[in-house]
């Protein structure tokens, strides 16, 4: 059995569309579909909050390279429009 990865689209009526990679020969094939998501839940490490706080502390200690306000950087005028 070979593992073939490809992207498919399934519509509400259950119809499947997609393209098989070139190495799949023409004909009827039996297949298993595994649903995956790039946003699948991953366990949060127990030290995640401490790591985020440490990163925030490091960022807070960085020097300010441009003292302008965000509005000044974007170029907003007194009417809130780009100048």
PDB file of N, CA and C in Angstrom:
ATOM      1  N   UNK A   1       0.854  -1.178   0.000  1.00  0.00           N
ATOM      2  CA  UNK A   1       0.000   0.000   0.000  1.00  0.00           C
ATOM      3  C   UNK A   1       0.895   1.235   0.000  1.00  0.00           C
ATOM      4  N   UNK A   2       0.596   2.175  -0.872  1.00  0.00           N
ATOM      5  CA  UNK A   2       1.346   3.425  -0.965  1.00  0.00           C
ATOM      6  C   UNK A   2       0.529   4.554  -0.364  1.00  0.00           C
ATOM      7  N   UNK A   3       1.214   5.474   0.304  1.00  0.00           N
ATOM      8  CA  UNK A   3       0.543   6.677   0.811  1.00  0.00           C
ATOM      9  C   UNK A   3       0.673   7.749  -0.248  1.00  0.00           C
ATOM     10  N   UNK A   4      -0.457   8.258  -0.691  1.00  0.00           N
ATOM     11  CA  UNK A   4      -0.502   9.330  -1.689  1.00  0.00           C
ATOM     12  C   UNK A   4      -1.148  10.529  -1.016  1.00  0.00           C
ATOM     13  N   UNK A   5      -0.496  11.683  -1.080  1.00  0.00           N
ATOM     14  CA  UNK A   5      -1.058  12.896  -0.488  1.00  0.00           C
ATOM     15  C   UNK A   5      -1.502  13.835  -1.600  1.00  0.00           C
ATOM     16  N   UNK A   6      -2.708  14.336  -1.447  1.00  0.00           N
ATOM     17  CA  UNK A   6      -3.239  15.313  -2.392  1.00  0.00           C
ATOM     18  C   UNK A   6      -4.322  16.103  -1.682  1.00  0.00           C
ATOM     19  N   UNK A   7      -4.764  17.169  -2.292  1.00  0.00           N
ATOM     20  CA  UNK A   7      -5.826  17.991  -1.716  1.00  0.00           C
ATOM     21  C   UNK A   7      -7.108  17.693  -2.487  1.00  0.00           C
ATOM     22  N   UNK A   8      -8.205  17.492  -1.742  1.00  0.00           N
ATOM     23  CA  UNK A   8      -9.500  17.239  -2.362  1.00  0.00           C
ATOM     24  C   UNK A   8     -10.518  18.236  -1.828  1.00  0.00           C
ATOM     25  N   UNK A   9     -11.642  18.308  -2.529  1.00  0.00           N
ATOM     26  CA  UNK A   9     -12.741  19.176  -2.096  1.00  0.00           C
ATOM     27  C   UNK A   9     -13.991  18.306  -2.019  1.00  0.00           C
ATOM     28  N   UNK A  10     -14.712  18.391  -0.912  1.00  0.00           N
ATOM     29  CA  UNK A  10     -15.940  17.634  -0.727  1.00  0.00           C
ATOM     30  C   UNK A  10     -17.084  18.622  -0.572  1.00  0.00           C
ATOM     31  N   UNK A  11     -18.113  18.482  -1.416  1.00  0.00           N
ATOM     32  CA  UNK A  11     -19.269  19.383  -1.346  1.00  0.00           C
ATOM     33  C   UNK A  11     -20.347  18.756  -0.473  1.00  0.00           C
ATOM     34  N   UNK A  12     -21.410  19.511  -0.195  1.00  0.00           N
ATOM     35  CA  UNK A  12     -22.449  19.095   0.742  1.00  0.00           C
ATOM     36  C   UNK A  12     -23.084  17.754   0.384  1.00  0.00           C
ATOM     37  N   UNK A  13     -23.201  17.446  -0.903  1.00  0.00           N
ATOM     38  CA  UNK A  13     -23.832  16.178  -1.278  1.00  0.00           C
ATOM     39  C   UNK A  13     -22.858  14.995  -1.221  1.00  0.00           C
ATOM     40  N   UNK A  14     -21.614  15.233  -0.777  1.00  0.00           N
ATOM     41  CA  UNK A  14     -20.637  14.165  -0.638  1.00  0.00           C
ATOM     42  C   UNK A  14     -19.762  13.941  -1.855  1.00  0.00           C
ATOM     43  N   UNK A  15     -19.961  14.723  -2.900  1.00  0.00           N
ATOM     44  CA  UNK A  15     -19.141  14.589  -4.104  1.00  0.00           C
ATOM     45  C   UNK A  15     -17.716  15.026  -3.798  1.00  0.00           C
ATOM     46  N   UNK A  16     -16.760  14.246  -4.267  1.00  0.00           N
ATOM     47  CA  UNK A  16     -15.349  14.538  -4.059  1.00  0.00           C
ATOM     48  C   UNK A  16     -14.733  14.959  -5.383  1.00  0.00           C
ATOM     49  N   UNK A  17     -13.996  16.057  -5.375  1.00  0.00           N
ATOM     50  CA  UNK A  17     -13.248  16.468  -6.558  1.00  0.00           C
ATOM     51  C   UNK A  17     -11.807  16.714  -6.144  1.00  0.00           C
ATOM     52  N   UNK A  18     -10.914  16.597  -7.088  1.00  0.00           N
ATOM     53  CA  UNK A  18      -9.509  16.829  -6.817  1.00  0.00           C
ATOM     54  C   UNK A  18      -8.667  16.265  -7.946  1.00  0.00           C
ATOM     55  N   UNK A  19      -7.380  16.290  -7.788  1.00  0.00           N
ATOM     56  CA  UNK A  19      -6.461  15.769  -8.791  1.00  0.00           C
ATOM     57  C   UNK A  19      -5.486  14.825  -8.113  1.00  0.00           C
ATOM     58  N   UNK A  20      -5.325  13.664  -8.712  1.00  0.00           N
ATOM     59  CA  UNK A  20      -4.367  12.698  -8.186  1.00  0.00           C
ATOM     60  C   UNK A  20      -2.983  13.033  -8.718  1.00  0.00           C
ATOM     61  N   UNK A  21      -1.945  12.775  -7.928  1.00  0.00           N
ATOM     62  CA  UNK A  21      -0.580  12.978  -8.418  1.00  0.00           C
ATOM     63  C   UNK A  21      -0.301  12.075  -9.623  1.00  0.00           C
ATOM     64  N   UNK A  22       0.675  12.432 -10.419  1.00  0.00           N
ATOM     65  CA  UNK A  22       0.999  11.690 -11.638  1.00  0.00           C
ATOM     66  C   UNK A  22       1.306  10.214 -11.395  1.00  0.00           C
ATOM     67  N   UNK A  23       1.837   9.882 -10.208  1.00  0.00           N
ATOM     68  CA  UNK A  23       2.227   8.494  -9.964  1.00  0.00           C
ATOM     69  C   UNK A  23       1.046   7.555  -9.727  1.00  0.00           C
ATOM     70  N   UNK A  24      -0.179   8.102  -9.634  1.00  0.00           N
ATOM     71  CA  UNK A  24      -1.361   7.260  -9.459  1.00  0.00           C
ATOM     72  C   UNK A  24      -1.856   6.841 -10.839  1.00  0.00           C
ATOM     73  N   UNK A  25      -1.899   5.526 -11.104  1.00  0.00           N
ATOM     74  CA  UNK A  25      -2.339   5.076 -12.430  1.00  0.00           C
ATOM     75  C   UNK A  25      -3.836   5.287 -12.604  1.00  0.00           C
ATOM     76  N   UNK A  26      -4.286   5.454 -13.848  1.00  0.00           N
ATOM     77  CA  UNK A  26      -5.723   5.595 -14.105  1.00  0.00           C
ATOM     78  C   UNK A  26      -6.462   4.342 -13.643  1.00  0.00           C
ATOM     79  N   UNK A  27      -7.703   4.491 -13.325  1.00  0.00           N
ATOM     80  CA  UNK A  27      -8.528   3.359 -12.919  1.00  0.00           C
ATOM     81  C   UNK A  27      -9.193   3.617 -11.591  1.00  0.00           C
ATOM     82  N   UNK A  28      -9.909   2.588 -11.110  1.00  0.00           N
ATOM     83  CA  UNK A  28     -10.608   2.708  -9.841  1.00  0.00           C
ATOM     84  C   UNK A  28      -9.684   2.248  -8.724  1.00  0.00           C
ATOM     85  N   UNK A  29      -9.667   2.989  -7.638  1.00  0.00           N
ATOM     86  CA  UNK A  29      -8.799   2.675  -6.507  1.00  0.00           C
ATOM     87  C   UNK A  29      -9.594   2.756  -5.220  1.00  0.00           C
ATOM     88  N   UNK A  30      -9.233   1.948  -4.260  1.00  0.00           N
ATOM     89  CA  UNK A  30      -9.810   2.054  -2.929  1.00  0.00           C
ATOM     90  C   UNK A  30      -8.916   3.010  -2.140  1.00  0.00           C
ATOM     91  N   UNK A  31      -9.520   3.923  -1.401  1.00  0.00           N
ATOM     92  CA  UNK A  31      -8.733   4.923  -0.685  1.00  0.00           C
ATOM     93  C   UNK A  31      -9.328   5.166   0.697  1.00  0.00           C
ATOM     94  N   UNK A  32      -8.490   5.589   1.611  1.00  0.00           N
ATOM     95  CA  UNK A  32      -8.929   6.046   2.926  1.00  0.00           C
ATOM     96  C   UNK A  32      -8.650   7.532   2.987  1.00  0.00           C
ATOM     97  N   UNK A  33      -9.558   8.275   3.595  1.00  0.00           N
ATOM     98  CA  UNK A  33      -9.384   9.720   3.706  1.00  0.00           C
ATOM     99  C   UNK A  33      -9.131  10.054   5.172  1.00  0.00           C
ATOM    100  N   UNK A  34      -8.048  10.758   5.418  1.00  0.00           N
ATOM    101  CA  UNK A  34      -7.729  11.224   6.766  1.00  0.00           C
ATOM    102  C   UNK A  34      -7.876  12.737   6.754  1.00  0.00           C
ATOM    103  N   UNK A  35      -8.755  13.243   7.592  1.00  0.00           N
ATOM    104  CA  UNK A  35      -8.957  14.687   7.649  1.00  0.00           C
ATOM    105  C   UNK A  35      -7.879  15.298   8.524  1.00  0.00           C
ATOM    106  N   UNK A  36      -7.236  16.311   8.003  1.00  0.00           N
ATOM    107  CA  UNK A  36      -6.228  17.016   8.775  1.00  0.00           C
ATOM    108  C   UNK A  36      -6.431  18.500   8.585  1.00  0.00           C
ATOM    109  N   UNK A  37      -5.875  19.248   9.482  1.00  0.00           N
ATOM    110  CA  UNK A  37      -6.011  20.692   9.420  1.00  0.00           C
ATOM    111  C   UNK A  37      -4.717  21.315   9.910  1.00  0.00           C
ATOM    112  N   UNK A  38      -4.274  22.399   9.238  1.00  0.00           N
ATOM    113  CA  UNK A  38      -3.094  23.080   9.757  1.00  0.00           C
ATOM    114  C   UNK A  38      -3.373  23.731  11.103  1.00  0.00           C
ATOM    115  N   UNK A  39      -4.662  23.810  11.471  1.00  0.00           N
ATOM    116  CA  UNK A  39      -5.033  24.452  12.728  1.00  0.00           C
ATOM    117  C   UNK A  39      -5.433  23.428  13.780  1.00  0.00           C
ATOM    118  N   UNK A  40      -5.067  22.161  13.566  1.00  0.00           N
ATOM    119  CA  UNK A  40      -5.427  21.117  14.518  1.00  0.00           C
ATOM    120  C   UNK A  40      -4.911  21.490  15.902  1.00  0.00           C
ATOM    121  N   UNK A  41      -5.687  21.133  16.912  1.00  0.00           N
ATOM    122  CA  UNK A  41      -5.320  21.486  18.285  1.00  0.00           C
ATOM    123  C   UNK A  41      -4.034  20.772  18.683  1.00  0.00           C
ATOM    124  N   UNK A  42      -3.121  21.525  19.175  1.00  0.00           N
ATOM    125  CA  UNK A  42      -1.880  20.969  19.704  1.00  0.00           C
ATOM    126  C   UNK A  42      -1.836  21.302  21.188  1.00  0.00           C
ATOM    127  N   UNK A  43      -1.365  20.373  21.989  1.00  0.00           N
ATOM    128  CA  UNK A  43      -1.312  20.676  23.422  1.00  0.00           C
ATOM    129  C   UNK A  43      -0.405  21.867  23.719  1.00  0.00           C
ATOM    130  N   UNK A  44      -0.828  22.693  24.647  1.00  0.00           N
ATOM    131  CA  UNK A  44      -0.042  23.865  25.040  1.00  0.00           C
ATOM    132  C   UNK A  44       0.965  23.418  26.093  1.00  0.00           C
ATOM    133  N   UNK A  45       2.248  23.683  25.864  1.00  0.00           N
ATOM    134  CA  UNK A  45       3.247  23.272  26.857  1.00  0.00           C
ATOM    135  C   UNK A  45       2.984  23.957  28.198  1.00  0.00           C
ATOM    136  N   UNK A  46       3.268  23.275  29.294  1.00  0.00           N
ATOM    137  CA  UNK A  46       2.983  23.858  30.611  1.00  0.00           C
ATOM    138  C   UNK A  46       3.751  25.145  30.888  1.00  0.00           C
ATOM    139  N   UNK A  47       4.885  25.347  30.225  1.00  0.00           N
ATOM    140  CA  UNK A  47       5.678  26.556  30.473  1.00  0.00           C
ATOM    141  C   UNK A  47       5.378  27.662  29.450  1.00  0.00           C
ATOM    142  N   UNK A  48       4.304  27.523  28.668  1.00  0.00           N
ATOM    143  CA  UNK A  48       4.015  28.487  27.601  1.00  0.00           C
ATOM    144  C   UNK A  48       3.830  29.905  28.140  1.00  0.00           C
ATOM    145  N   UNK A  49       3.076  30.073  29.224  1.00  0.00           N
ATOM    146  CA  UNK A  49       2.827  31.414  29.762  1.00  0.00           C
ATOM    147  C   UNK A  49       4.131  32.060  30.216  1.00  0.00           C
ATOM    148  N   UNK A  50       4.983  31.293  30.856  1.00  0.00           N
ATOM    149  CA  UNK A  50       6.273  31.834  31.314  1.00  0.00           C
ATOM    150  C   UNK A  50       7.145  32.211  30.123  1.00  0.00           C
ATOM    151  N   UNK A  51       7.098  31.418  29.067  1.00  0.00           N
ATOM    152  CA  UNK A  51       7.895  31.724  27.877  1.00  0.00           C
ATOM    153  C   UNK A  51       7.393  32.987  27.197  1.00  0.00           C
ATOM    154  N   UNK A  52       6.075  33.167  27.159  1.00  0.00           N
ATOM    155  CA  UNK A  52       5.509  34.383  26.559  1.00  0.00           C
ATOM    156  C   UNK A  52       5.898  35.605  27.380  1.00  0.00           C
ATOM    157  N   UNK A  53       5.806  35.499  28.706  1.00  0.00           N
ATOM    158  CA  UNK A  53       6.208  36.626  29.564  1.00  0.00           C
ATOM    159  C   UNK A  53       7.684  36.960  29.383  1.00  0.00           C
ATOM    160  N   UNK A  54       8.530  35.945  29.266  1.00  0.00           N
ATOM    161  CA  UNK A  54       9.967  36.189  29.055  1.00  0.00           C
ATOM    162  C   UNK A  54      10.196  36.895  27.723  1.00  0.00           C
ATOM    163  N   UNK A  55       9.464  36.503  26.696  1.00  0.00           N
ATOM    164  CA  UNK A  55       9.590  37.170  25.396  1.00  0.00           C
ATOM    165  C   UNK A  55       9.102  38.612  25.488  1.00  0.00           C
ATOM    166  N   UNK A  56       7.992  38.845  26.181  1.00  0.00           N
ATOM    167  CA  UNK A  56       7.489  40.208  26.356  1.00  0.00           C
ATOM    168  C   UNK A  56       8.522  41.077  27.075  1.00  0.00           C
ATOM    169  N   UNK A  57       9.162  40.525  28.096  1.00  0.00           N
ATOM    170  CA  UNK A  57      10.200  41.267  28.825  1.00  0.00           C
ATOM    171  C   UNK A  57      11.362  41.620  27.911  1.00  0.00           C
ATOM    172  N   UNK A  58      11.785  40.661  27.101  1.00  0.00           N
ATOM    173  CA  UNK A  58      12.897  40.926  26.159  1.00  0.00           C
ATOM    174  C   UNK A  58      12.522  42.031  25.180  1.00  0.00           C
ATOM    175  N   UNK A  59      11.297  41.965  24.649  1.00  0.00           N
ATOM    176  CA  UNK A  59      10.861  42.983  23.692  1.00  0.00           C
ATOM    177  C   UNK A  59      10.762  44.358  24.349  1.00  0.00           C
ATOM    178  N   UNK A  60      10.307  44.409  25.588  1.00  0.00           N
ATOM    179  CA  UNK A  60      10.166  45.687  26.298  1.00  0.00           C
ATOM    180  C   UNK A  60      11.524  46.348  26.531  1.00  0.00           C
ATOM    181  N   UNK A  61      12.584  45.556  26.591  1.00  0.00           N
ATOM    182  CA  UNK A  61      13.929  46.109  26.833  1.00  0.00           C
ATOM    183  C   UNK A  61      14.618  46.573  25.540  1.00  0.00           C
ATOM    184  N   UNK A  62      14.024  46.289  24.387  1.00  0.00           N
ATOM    185  CA  UNK A  62      14.640  46.732  23.130  1.00  0.00           C
ATOM    186  C   UNK A  62      14.598  48.260  23.039  1.00  0.00           C
ATOM    187  N   UNK A  63      15.594  48.858  22.411  1.00  0.00           N
ATOM    188  CA  UNK A  63      15.589  50.323  22.293  1.00  0.00           C
ATOM    189  C   UNK A  63      14.511  50.798  21.316  1.00  0.00           C
ATOM    190  N   UNK A  64      13.999  51.983  21.566  1.00  0.00           N
ATOM    191  CA  UNK A  64      13.038  52.610  20.652  1.00  0.00           C
ATOM    192  C   UNK A  64      13.837  53.244  19.523  1.00  0.00           C
ATOM    193  N   UNK A  65      13.625  52.759  18.303  1.00  0.00           N
ATOM    194  CA  UNK A  65      14.384  53.266  17.159  1.00  0.00           C
ATOM    195  C   UNK A  65      13.668  54.412  16.450  1.00  0.00           C
ATOM    196  N   UNK A  66      12.353  54.521  16.652  1.00  0.00           N
ATOM    197  CA  UNK A  66      11.583  55.575  16.000  1.00  0.00           C
ATOM    198  C   UNK A  66      10.565  56.086  17.011  1.00  0.00           C
ATOM    199  N   UNK A  67      10.773  57.285  17.576  1.00  0.00           N
ATOM    200  CA  UNK A  67       9.907  57.775  18.655  1.00  0.00           C
ATOM    201  C   UNK A  67       8.545  58.284  18.183  1.00  0.00           C
ATOM    202  N   UNK A  68       8.270  58.264  16.878  1.00  0.00           N
ATOM    203  CA  UNK A  68       6.976  58.771  16.399  1.00  0.00           C
ATOM    204  C   UNK A  68       5.832  57.868  16.863  1.00  0.00           C
ATOM    205  N   UNK A  69       4.643  58.454  16.964  1.00  0.00           N
ATOM    206  CA  UNK A  69       3.448  57.670  17.298  1.00  0.00           C
ATOM    207  C   UNK A  69       3.049  56.842  16.076  1.00  0.00           C
ATOM    208  N   UNK A  70       2.237  55.802  16.273  1.00  0.00           N
ATOM    209  CA  UNK A  70       1.775  55.032  15.116  1.00  0.00           C
ATOM    210  C   UNK A  70       1.071  55.902  14.075  1.00  0.00           C
ATOM    211  N   UNK A  71       0.258  56.860  14.520  1.00  0.00           N
ATOM    212  CA  UNK A  71      -0.423  57.747  13.574  1.00  0.00           C
ATOM    213  C   UNK A  71       0.575  58.570  12.768  1.00  0.00           C
ATOM    214  N   UNK A  72       1.629  59.038  13.420  1.00  0.00           N
ATOM    215  CA  UNK A  72       2.655  59.806  12.706  1.00  0.00           C
ATOM    216  C   UNK A  72       3.382  58.927  11.689  1.00  0.00           C
ATOM    217  N   UNK A  73       3.646  57.686  12.052  1.00  0.00           N
ATOM    218  CA  UNK A  73       4.338  56.776  11.134  1.00  0.00           C
ATOM    219  C   UNK A  73       3.471  56.508   9.914  1.00  0.00           C
ATOM    220  N   UNK A  74       2.174  56.288  10.139  1.00  0.00           N
ATOM    221  CA  UNK A  74       1.273  56.010   9.016  1.00  0.00           C
ATOM    222  C   UNK A  74       0.962  57.251   8.196  1.00  0.00           C
ATOM    223  N   UNK A  75       1.146  58.418   8.793  1.00  0.00           N
ATOM    224  CA  UNK A  75       0.941  59.656   8.060  1.00  0.00           C
ATOM    225  C   UNK A  75      -0.469  60.207   8.141  1.00  0.00           C
ATOM    226  N   UNK A  76      -1.222  59.856   9.206  1.00  0.00           N
ATOM    227  CA  UNK A  76      -2.547  60.422   9.358  1.00  0.00           C
ATOM    228  C   UNK A  76      -2.465  61.920   9.607  1.00  0.00           C
ATOM    229  N   UNK A  77      -3.422  62.689   9.044  1.00  0.00           N
ATOM    230  CA  UNK A  77      -3.470  64.123   9.333  1.00  0.00           C
ATOM    231  C   UNK A  77      -4.506  64.372  10.444  1.00  0.00           C
ATOM    232  N   UNK A  78      -4.815  65.626  10.710  1.00  0.00           N
ATOM    233  CA  UNK A  78      -5.736  65.969  11.791  1.00  0.00           C
ATOM    234  C   UNK A  78      -7.152  65.456  11.550  1.00  0.00           C
ATOM    235  N   UNK A  79      -7.491  65.093  10.300  1.00  0.00           N
ATOM    236  CA  UNK A  79      -8.816  64.569   9.974  1.00  0.00           C
ATOM    237  C   UNK A  79      -8.848  63.048   9.933  1.00  0.00           C
ATOM    238  N   UNK A  80      -7.742  62.418  10.263  1.00  0.00           N
ATOM    239  CA  UNK A  80      -7.682  60.962  10.243  1.00  0.00           C
ATOM    240  C   UNK A  80      -7.449  60.382   8.867  1.00  0.00           C
ATOM    241  N   UNK A  81      -7.020  61.221   7.944  1.00  0.00           N
ATOM    242  CA  UNK A  81      -6.756  60.755   6.574  1.00  0.00           C
ATOM    243  C   UNK A  81      -5.254  60.684   6.339  1.00  0.00           C
ATOM    244  N   UNK A  82      -4.871  59.872   5.384  1.00  0.00           N
ATOM    245  CA  UNK A  82      -3.442  59.827   5.054  1.00  0.00           C
ATOM    246  C   UNK A  82      -3.040  61.147   4.422  1.00  0.00           C
ATOM    247  N   UNK A  83      -1.918  61.670   4.909  1.00  0.00           N
ATOM    248  CA  UNK A  83      -1.472  62.971   4.423  1.00  0.00           C
ATOM    249  C   UNK A  83      -0.562  62.894   3.242  1.00  0.00           C
TER     250      UNK A  83
END
